[in-house]
Amino acid sequence: MSATTRQIAFINAAHSLTHYGLLILATAVLAMTQQESARFGGEYGPILALGTAMFVVYGLGALPMGHLAAKFGRKALMVAFFLGAGGSLVLAGFATGPISLALGLAGFGAFAAIYHPIGTAIVAEAGGDRVGRAMGINGVFGNLGVALAPVVTAFLAATLGWRWAFVLPGLFSVAIGLLYMREPAYDAHKAGISARPFPVIPREVVRRAVLTLLLIAAVSGLVFNAFTLLLPKLMEERLADSPDLLPVVGMLAFLATICGGVTQYTVGRMIDRRTLKSVFMPLAMVLVPGLLALSFLQGWAVLPVSAIVAAAIFGQVTVNETMTARYVAPELRAKLYSVRFTIGFMGAALASPLVGFLHEATGNLALTMLVLAGVAGVTLLCSLFFPNRPEELRPELWTEPSGPRVQPAE
């Protein structure tokens, strides 16, 4: 196995662990209301809200990662990710009350903040000229974490108890971290990765791309996180409302979200052949009516519509991450990823209290889906302003003597 393949394997595993860990509580809460009602209370909303600090720290913690990587190196930060995130999950599993659980989850959020700015920059570098494909595959692994979290957590909580749903993934993360410590620091040039020199792109185009990217990040982070958090509860409400069916709820959520993984791989391959906007727009246009439909659908119709919504949400993630690689020079990517993910994750931090509050106020998820549809509509409007340039696929056009050829954005 080459150095690049090994590195990508570890980074992909980190992506899975990040999203898996963030979503353990979303399913574990369904067991905690039954198994630990005296210690944590028997209401869904208040227990789910204990994850708020995790998402806040997760978002704010991403901001300094680009600077820390320049000081300590990417490998040191990724080792800290595996060991720290895993240890925090173990501590959450041994929580004795709401405060200790919230603190354990917040610790996970702090270490999980390392992954996206650093891991995504490594994937962009290792992908060479096929960065879209590399991002797509990496996205599949992130989605695999999202998809496995409800089904594995439900199984562990139902068979061993909710605490093991935190402890076992934590120990797994620590084990991978110990293996990663033996891996040499990665350098794409030494590993033989060749990529075309990054072109000189007009500043006004870069500014437009970055501004649009950050605007999209601010709103899409909320939709992504809220949907993945509420999906187990949605399946429970609409399809399997008995406590004895907790594993079924997890499996239904898995089936819905795994469609997002397939979409991310497909989108990743499309990105290498088409402009980003031409891929992003159809996904954004599908998302709004899908969320609106989920506000009122009942029964088995919820499953395919949830799958379509998951596909649109996760497909957008792959496009967003490739935007930075297309328009920002390699030496600045880690810092921009830090800013972009901080903005996105701060929006994501609102998801846990928002879902909990709206469910507590209404007793169901109908209003929550309407709110998310409105936010997704903002994402669609923002995407209209993203550049749609043929130079994305043929960078040499940026340096033509006559100047870059401009394709209208709309």
Protein backbone atom coordinates (compact mmCIF):
# COMPACT_ATOMS: atom_id res chain seq x y z
CA MET A 1 0.00 0.00 0.00
CA SER A 2 1.44 3.37 -1.03
CA ALA A 3 1.97 6.25 1.38
CA THR A 4 -0.85 8.19 -0.31
CA THR A 5 -3.28 5.27 -0.07
CA ARG A 6 -2.47 4.73 3.60
CA GLN A 7 -2.85 8.40 4.37
CA ILE A 8 -6.21 8.65 2.60
CA ALA A 9 -7.39 5.51 4.42
CA PHE A 10 -6.65 7.09 7.81
CA ILE A 11 -8.22 10.41 6.81
CA ASN A 12 -11.33 8.66 5.50
CA ALA A 13 -11.60 6.74 8.78
CA ALA A 14 -11.32 10.03 10.67
CA HIS A 15 -14.16 11.46 8.57
CA SER A 16 -16.38 8.50 9.44
CA LEU A 17 -15.54 8.75 13.14
CA THR A 18 -16.23 12.50 13.19
CA HIS A 19 -19.77 12.24 11.87
CA TYR A 20 -20.47 9.00 13.72
CA GLY A 21 -19.48 10.51 17.06
CA LEU A 22 -21.52 13.65 16.52
CA LEU A 23 -24.67 11.60 16.00
CA ILE A 24 -24.44 9.01 18.76
CA LEU A 25 -26.60 11.09 21.11
CA ALA A 26 -29.31 11.54 18.46
CA THR A 27 -30.17 7.83 18.69
CA ALA A 28 -28.91 7.08 22.21
CA VAL A 29 -31.40 9.62 23.55
CA LEU A 30 -34.24 7.33 22.49
CA ALA A 31 -32.84 4.63 24.80
CA MET A 32 -31.86 7.06 27.57
CA THR A 33 -35.44 8.26 27.96
CA GLN A 34 -36.34 4.63 28.75
CA GLN A 35 -33.24 3.34 30.54
CA GLU A 36 -32.13 6.44 32.48
CA SER A 37 -35.30 8.50 32.98
CA ALA A 38 -34.46 9.07 36.67
CA ARG A 39 -30.94 10.30 35.98
CA PHE A 40 -31.37 12.25 32.73
CA GLY A 41 -35.13 12.81 32.54
CA GLY A 42 -37.62 11.15 30.25
CA GLU A 43 -38.03 13.89 27.62
CA TYR A 44 -36.41 13.80 24.17
CA GLY A 45 -35.82 17.55 23.72
CA PRO A 46 -33.88 18.35 26.93
CA ILE A 47 -31.55 15.35 26.57
CA LEU A 48 -30.86 16.11 22.90
CA ALA A 49 -30.04 19.71 23.88
CA LEU A 50 -27.13 18.38 26.00
CA GLY A 51 -25.24 18.09 22.71
CA THR A 52 -25.40 21.85 22.09
CA ALA A 53 -21.99 22.55 23.68
CA MET A 54 -20.46 19.79 21.55
CA PHE A 55 -21.55 21.48 18.33
CA VAL A 56 -20.59 24.98 19.53
CA VAL A 57 -17.07 23.86 20.46
CA TYR A 58 -16.93 21.81 17.25
CA GLY A 59 -17.63 24.95 15.24
CA LEU A 60 -15.44 27.45 17.12
CA GLY A 61 -12.60 24.96 17.42
CA ALA A 62 -12.19 24.70 13.65
CA LEU A 63 -11.12 28.35 13.36
CA PRO A 64 -7.54 28.11 14.72
CA MET A 65 -6.74 24.73 13.15
CA GLY A 66 -5.07 26.17 10.05
CA HIS A 67 -2.65 28.15 12.23
CA LEU A 68 -2.04 25.20 14.58
CA ALA A 69 -1.27 22.96 11.59
CA ALA A 70 1.37 25.45 10.43
CA LYS A 71 2.94 25.39 13.90
CA PHE A 72 2.70 21.74 14.95
CA GLY A 73 2.13 19.91 11.68
CA ARG A 74 -0.90 18.10 10.30
CA LYS A 75 0.12 14.70 11.64
CA ALA A 76 0.32 15.88 15.26
CA LEU A 77 -3.17 17.35 15.01
CA MET A 78 -4.64 14.21 13.46
CA VAL A 79 -3.09 12.06 16.20
CA ALA A 80 -4.69 14.41 18.75
CA PHE A 81 -7.98 13.98 16.90
CA PHE A 82 -8.04 10.19 17.13
CA LEU A 83 -6.87 9.96 20.74
CA GLY A 84 -8.75 12.97 22.13
CA ALA A 85 -12.06 12.32 20.35
CA GLY A 86 -11.99 8.66 21.34
CA GLY A 87 -11.14 9.40 24.96
CA SER A 88 -13.95 11.96 25.18
CA LEU A 89 -16.52 9.45 23.92
CA VAL A 90 -15.39 6.98 26.59
CA LEU A 91 -15.84 9.68 29.24
CA ALA A 92 -19.32 10.48 27.89
CA GLY A 93 -20.20 6.81 28.23
CA PHE A 94 -19.34 6.95 31.95
CA ALA A 95 -21.35 10.13 32.56
CA THR A 96 -23.25 10.19 35.85
CA GLY A 97 -25.62 13.03 34.99
CA PRO A 98 -26.52 15.72 32.45
CA ILE A 99 -23.51 17.95 33.24
CA SER A 100 -20.88 15.22 32.93
CA LEU A 101 -22.49 13.98 29.72
CA ALA A 102 -22.49 17.49 28.24
CA LEU A 103 -18.83 17.93 29.22
CA GLY A 104 -17.83 14.62 27.66
CA LEU A 105 -19.63 15.53 24.45
CA ALA A 106 -18.05 18.99 24.46
CA GLY A 107 -14.62 17.33 24.72
CA PHE A 108 -15.45 15.26 21.67
CA GLY A 109 -16.50 18.40 19.81
CA ALA A 110 -13.18 20.09 20.64
CA PHE A 111 -11.09 17.28 19.19
CA ALA A 112 -13.48 16.57 16.31
CA ALA A 113 -12.98 20.22 15.26
CA ILE A 114 -9.54 19.17 14.03
CA TYR A 115 -10.77 16.89 11.27
CA HIS A 116 -12.43 19.04 8.61
CA PRO A 117 -9.89 21.87 8.23
CA ILE A 118 -6.91 19.49 8.34
CA GLY A 119 -8.30 16.27 6.89
CA THR A 120 -10.02 17.98 3.96
CA ALA A 121 -6.83 19.89 3.09
CA ILE A 122 -4.91 16.60 3.07
CA VAL A 123 -7.48 14.98 0.78
CA ALA A 124 -7.39 17.97 -1.60
CA GLU A 125 -3.60 17.69 -1.76
CA ALA A 126 -3.52 13.91 -2.14
CA GLY A 127 -6.22 13.99 -4.82
CA GLY A 128 -3.94 15.69 -7.33
CA ASP A 129 -5.73 16.38 -10.62
CA ARG A 130 -8.73 14.25 -9.59
CA VAL A 131 -9.67 16.20 -6.51
CA GLY A 132 -13.40 15.83 -7.17
CA ARG A 133 -13.17 12.03 -7.11
CA ALA A 134 -11.04 12.13 -3.95
CA MET A 135 -13.53 14.45 -2.25
CA GLY A 136 -16.41 12.25 -3.34
CA ILE A 137 -14.86 9.10 -1.88
CA ASN A 138 -13.95 10.95 1.31
CA GLY A 139 -17.53 12.20 1.48
CA VAL A 140 -18.80 8.63 1.19
CA PHE A 141 -16.84 7.72 4.31
CA GLY A 142 -18.24 10.72 6.17
CA ASN A 143 -21.71 9.69 5.11
CA LEU A 144 -20.97 6.13 6.17
CA GLY A 145 -20.39 7.48 9.68
CA VAL A 146 -23.70 9.33 9.52
CA ALA A 147 -25.50 6.24 8.25
CA LEU A 148 -23.93 3.79 10.71
CA ALA A 149 -24.41 5.97 13.78
CA PRO A 150 -28.16 5.36 14.20
CA VAL A 151 -28.14 1.65 13.35
CA VAL A 152 -25.06 0.70 15.42
CA THR A 153 -26.03 2.98 18.31
CA ALA A 154 -29.54 1.53 18.34
CA PHE A 155 -28.16 -2.02 18.37
CA LEU A 156 -25.64 -1.34 21.14
CA ALA A 157 -28.14 0.62 23.24
CA ALA A 158 -30.78 -2.10 22.92
CA THR A 159 -28.41 -5.01 23.66
CA LEU A 160 -25.67 -3.63 25.95
CA GLY A 161 -27.12 -0.32 27.16
CA TRP A 162 -26.68 3.25 25.97
CA ARG A 163 -23.29 3.71 27.69
CA TRP A 164 -21.59 1.16 25.44
CA ALA A 165 -22.88 3.09 22.42
CA PHE A 166 -20.36 5.78 23.42
CA VAL A 167 -17.56 3.66 24.90
CA LEU A 168 -16.98 1.17 22.06
CA PRO A 169 -16.61 3.76 19.26
CA GLY A 170 -14.32 5.74 21.57
CA LEU A 171 -12.02 2.78 22.10
CA PHE A 172 -12.03 2.12 18.34
CA SER A 173 -10.92 5.71 17.67
CA VAL A 174 -8.08 5.43 20.20
CA ALA A 175 -6.89 2.20 18.55
CA ILE A 176 -6.76 3.86 15.13
CA GLY A 177 -4.89 6.79 16.65
CA LEU A 178 -2.20 4.50 18.02
CA LEU A 179 -1.76 3.01 14.55
CA TYR A 180 -1.63 6.45 12.96
CA MET A 181 1.17 7.49 15.31
CA ARG A 182 3.41 5.03 13.47
CA GLU A 183 2.61 6.58 10.09
CA PRO A 184 5.21 9.07 8.72
CA ALA A 185 4.09 12.66 8.18
CA TYR A 186 2.56 12.93 4.72
CA ASP A 187 4.07 15.00 1.90
CA ALA A 188 2.27 14.78 -1.44
CA HIS A 189 5.33 15.82 -3.44
CA LYS A 190 7.52 13.15 -1.84
CA ALA A 191 4.74 10.64 -2.37
CA GLY A 192 4.85 11.35 -6.11
CA ILE A 193 1.53 13.17 -6.39
CA SER A 194 1.69 15.50 -9.38
CA ALA A 195 -0.85 18.22 -9.94
CA ARG A 196 -1.10 21.09 -12.36
CA PRO A 197 0.32 24.36 -11.06
CA PHE A 198 -2.40 26.39 -9.44
CA PRO A 199 -3.47 29.15 -11.87
CA VAL A 200 -3.59 32.87 -11.21
CA ILE A 201 -7.32 33.59 -10.88
CA PRO A 202 -8.64 37.17 -11.02
CA ARG A 203 -9.22 38.52 -7.53
CA GLU A 204 -12.80 39.56 -8.21
CA VAL A 205 -13.67 35.98 -9.22
CA VAL A 206 -12.00 34.54 -6.11
CA ARG A 207 -13.78 37.05 -3.87
CA ARG A 208 -17.14 36.17 -5.41
CA ALA A 209 -16.49 32.45 -5.04
CA VAL A 210 -15.29 32.71 -1.43
CA LEU A 211 -18.11 35.03 -0.36
CA THR A 212 -20.75 32.76 -1.88
CA LEU A 213 -19.10 29.71 -0.35
CA LEU A 214 -19.16 31.26 3.13
CA LEU A 215 -22.79 32.34 2.75
CA ILE A 216 -23.78 28.83 1.73
CA ALA A 217 -21.78 27.39 4.63
CA ALA A 218 -23.65 29.56 7.13
CA VAL A 219 -27.04 28.11 6.22
CA SER A 220 -26.25 24.64 4.85
CA GLY A 221 -24.52 23.62 8.08
CA LEU A 222 -27.81 24.04 9.95
CA VAL A 223 -29.76 21.95 7.44
CA PHE A 224 -27.14 19.18 7.37
CA ASN A 225 -26.85 18.86 11.13
CA ALA A 226 -30.53 19.23 11.92
CA PHE A 227 -31.58 16.61 9.39
CA THR A 228 -29.03 14.04 10.52
CA LEU A 229 -29.95 14.68 14.16
CA LEU A 230 -33.70 14.39 13.72
CA LEU A 231 -33.75 11.48 11.27
CA PRO A 232 -33.95 8.70 13.91
CA LYS A 233 -36.76 10.57 15.68
CA LEU A 234 -38.53 11.13 12.34
CA MET A 235 -38.44 7.39 11.63
CA GLU A 236 -39.69 6.63 15.13
CA GLU A 237 -42.61 9.07 14.82
CA ARG A 238 -43.71 8.16 11.32
CA LEU A 239 -42.80 4.45 11.06
CA ALA A 240 -41.87 2.75 14.35
CA ASP A 241 -43.15 4.40 17.51
CA SER A 242 -42.65 1.46 19.90
CA PRO A 243 -39.58 1.44 22.23
CA ASP A 244 -39.09 -2.23 21.30
CA LEU A 245 -38.46 -1.18 17.70
CA LEU A 246 -35.37 0.94 18.43
CA PRO A 247 -33.11 -1.24 16.22
CA VAL A 248 -35.67 -0.89 13.42
CA VAL A 249 -35.56 2.89 13.79
CA GLY A 250 -31.78 2.79 13.46
CA MET A 251 -31.95 0.59 10.38
CA LEU A 252 -34.50 2.87 8.69
CA ALA A 253 -32.31 5.91 9.35
CA PHE A 254 -29.35 3.96 7.94
CA LEU A 255 -31.24 3.09 4.75
CA ALA A 256 -32.19 6.73 4.21
CA THR A 257 -28.74 8.19 4.77
CA ILE A 258 -26.76 5.56 2.85
CA CYS A 259 -28.29 7.05 -0.30
CA GLY A 260 -26.32 10.18 0.50
CA GLY A 261 -23.10 8.17 0.36
CA VAL A 262 -23.88 6.87 -3.11
CA THR A 263 -24.70 10.40 -4.22
CA GLN A 264 -21.44 11.81 -2.87
CA TYR A 265 -19.40 9.35 -4.90
CA THR A 266 -21.42 10.13 -8.03
CA VAL A 267 -21.19 13.87 -7.45
CA GLY A 268 -17.44 13.58 -6.88
CA ARG A 269 -16.98 11.98 -10.30
CA MET A 270 -19.27 14.55 -11.94
CA ILE A 271 -17.30 17.45 -10.47
CA ASP A 272 -14.17 16.41 -12.38
CA ARG A 273 -16.12 16.78 -15.65
CA ARG A 274 -18.57 19.63 -14.99
CA THR A 275 -18.57 23.07 -13.39
CA LEU A 276 -19.45 23.21 -9.71
CA LYS A 277 -22.55 25.33 -10.14
CA SER A 278 -24.05 22.99 -12.75
CA VAL A 279 -23.81 20.14 -10.23
CA PHE A 280 -24.89 22.12 -7.16
CA MET A 281 -28.04 23.75 -8.54
CA PRO A 282 -30.09 20.58 -9.25
CA LEU A 283 -29.30 19.30 -5.75
CA ALA A 284 -30.42 22.58 -4.18
CA MET A 285 -33.62 22.59 -6.24
CA VAL A 286 -34.57 19.07 -5.07
CA LEU A 287 -33.89 19.74 -1.39
CA VAL A 288 -36.59 22.36 -0.69
CA PRO A 289 -39.63 20.39 -1.93
CA GLY A 290 -38.24 17.25 -0.29
CA LEU A 291 -38.13 18.90 3.13
CA LEU A 292 -41.59 20.36 2.61
CA ALA A 293 -42.95 16.90 1.81
CA LEU A 294 -41.44 15.46 5.00
CA SER A 295 -43.39 17.99 7.05
CA PHE A 296 -46.64 16.12 6.39
CA LEU A 297 -45.89 12.64 4.95
CA GLN A 298 -46.74 9.58 7.04
CA GLY A 299 -45.94 5.89 6.72
CA TRP A 300 -43.53 4.24 4.33
CA ALA A 301 -43.51 7.18 1.91
CA VAL A 302 -41.22 8.92 4.44
CA LEU A 303 -38.38 6.49 3.69
CA PRO A 304 -37.81 7.23 -0.05
CA VAL A 305 -38.35 10.97 0.42
CA SER A 306 -35.86 10.98 3.31
CA ALA A 307 -33.41 9.17 1.05
CA ILE A 308 -33.81 11.84 -1.64
CA VAL A 309 -33.32 14.62 0.90
CA ALA A 310 -30.22 12.89 2.31
CA ALA A 311 -28.82 12.50 -1.21
CA ALA A 312 -29.28 16.22 -1.92
CA ILE A 313 -27.78 17.31 1.41
CA PHE A 314 -24.71 15.09 1.21
CA GLY A 315 -24.18 15.76 -2.48
CA GLN A 316 -24.01 19.47 -1.72
CA VAL A 317 -21.29 18.83 0.88
CA THR A 318 -18.98 17.32 -1.77
CA VAL A 319 -19.49 20.33 -4.05
CA ASN A 320 -18.85 22.78 -1.19
CA GLU A 321 -15.57 21.14 -0.23
CA THR A 322 -14.36 21.10 -3.83
CA MET A 323 -15.15 24.81 -4.24
CA THR A 324 -12.21 25.73 -2.04
CA ALA A 325 -9.85 23.42 -3.94
CA ARG A 326 -10.91 24.99 -7.27
CA TYR A 327 -10.61 28.65 -6.30
CA VAL A 328 -8.08 28.88 -3.44
CA ALA A 329 -4.32 28.28 -3.68
CA PRO A 330 -3.02 25.18 -1.80
CA GLU A 331 -1.02 27.18 0.75
CA LEU A 332 -4.17 29.02 1.87
CA ARG A 333 -6.64 26.13 1.85
CA ALA A 334 -6.22 24.92 5.44
CA LYS A 335 -6.87 28.44 6.74
CA LEU A 336 -9.91 28.96 4.51
CA TYR A 337 -11.24 25.53 5.40
CA SER A 338 -10.90 26.59 9.05
CA VAL A 339 -12.95 29.74 8.46
CA ARG A 340 -15.50 27.99 6.26
CA PHE A 341 -16.08 25.10 8.63
CA THR A 342 -16.27 27.42 11.63
CA ILE A 343 -19.04 29.40 9.95
CA GLY A 344 -20.81 26.23 8.85
CA PHE A 345 -20.51 24.51 12.19
CA MET A 346 -21.77 27.54 14.10
CA GLY A 347 -24.90 27.24 12.01
CA ALA A 348 -24.85 23.53 12.76
CA ALA A 349 -24.60 24.26 16.49
CA LEU A 350 -28.10 25.78 16.31
CA ALA A 351 -29.51 22.48 15.09
CA SER A 352 -29.60 20.62 18.40
CA PRO A 353 -31.44 23.30 20.44
CA LEU A 354 -33.64 24.19 17.45
CA VAL A 355 -34.82 20.62 16.90
CA GLY A 356 -35.24 20.08 20.63
CA PHE A 357 -37.17 23.32 21.16
CA LEU A 358 -39.50 22.93 18.18
CA HIS A 359 -40.24 19.32 19.04
CA GLU A 360 -40.89 20.25 22.67
CA ALA A 361 -43.23 23.06 21.59
CA THR A 362 -45.22 21.13 18.99
CA GLY A 363 -44.84 17.48 19.97
CA ASN A 364 -43.72 16.43 16.49
CA LEU A 365 -41.24 17.32 13.72
CA ALA A 366 -43.63 18.91 11.20
CA LEU A 367 -42.73 22.52 12.03
CA THR A 368 -39.04 21.63 12.19
CA MET A 369 -39.14 20.35 8.60
CA LEU A 370 -40.87 23.55 7.44
CA VAL A 371 -38.17 25.67 9.08
CA LEU A 372 -35.43 23.60 7.43
CA ALA A 373 -37.14 23.96 4.06
CA GLY A 374 -37.03 27.75 4.48
CA VAL A 375 -33.33 27.64 5.36
CA ALA A 376 -32.65 25.37 2.35
CA GLY A 377 -34.36 27.99 0.20
CA VAL A 378 -31.75 30.53 1.35
CA THR A 379 -29.02 28.10 0.27
CA LEU A 380 -30.61 27.91 -3.18
CA LEU A 381 -30.68 31.70 -3.50
CA CYS A 382 -27.03 31.98 -2.41
CA SER A 383 -25.93 29.39 -4.94
CA LEU A 384 -27.27 31.54 -7.79
CA PHE A 385 -24.33 33.91 -7.30
CA PHE A 386 -21.58 31.28 -7.48
CA PRO A 387 -19.29 31.58 -10.55
CA ASN A 388 -19.96 29.19 -13.42
CA ARG A 389 -16.64 29.27 -15.28
CA PRO A 390 -15.24 26.91 -17.95
CA GLU A 391 -11.80 27.67 -16.47
CA GLU A 392 -12.66 25.36 -13.55
CA LEU A 393 -12.11 22.40 -15.88
CA ARG A 394 -9.42 23.99 -18.06
CA PRO A 395 -7.23 26.13 -15.75
CA GLU A 396 -4.97 27.13 -18.62
CA LEU A 397 -7.78 29.44 -19.82
CA TRP A 398 -7.14 31.70 -16.82
CA THR A 399 -3.79 32.72 -18.30
CA GLU A 400 -4.76 33.21 -21.94
CA PRO A 401 -3.36 36.52 -23.29
CA SER A 402 -6.83 37.72 -24.16
CA GLY A 403 -7.93 37.11 -20.59
CA PRO A 404 -10.16 34.43 -19.22
CA ARG A 405 -13.28 33.61 -21.11
CA VAL A 406 -16.33 34.35 -19.03
CA GLN A 407 -19.38 32.16 -19.07
CA PRO A 408 -22.42 33.91 -17.61
CA ALA A 409 -23.09 32.84 -14.06
CA GLU A 410 -26.81 32.76 -14.57
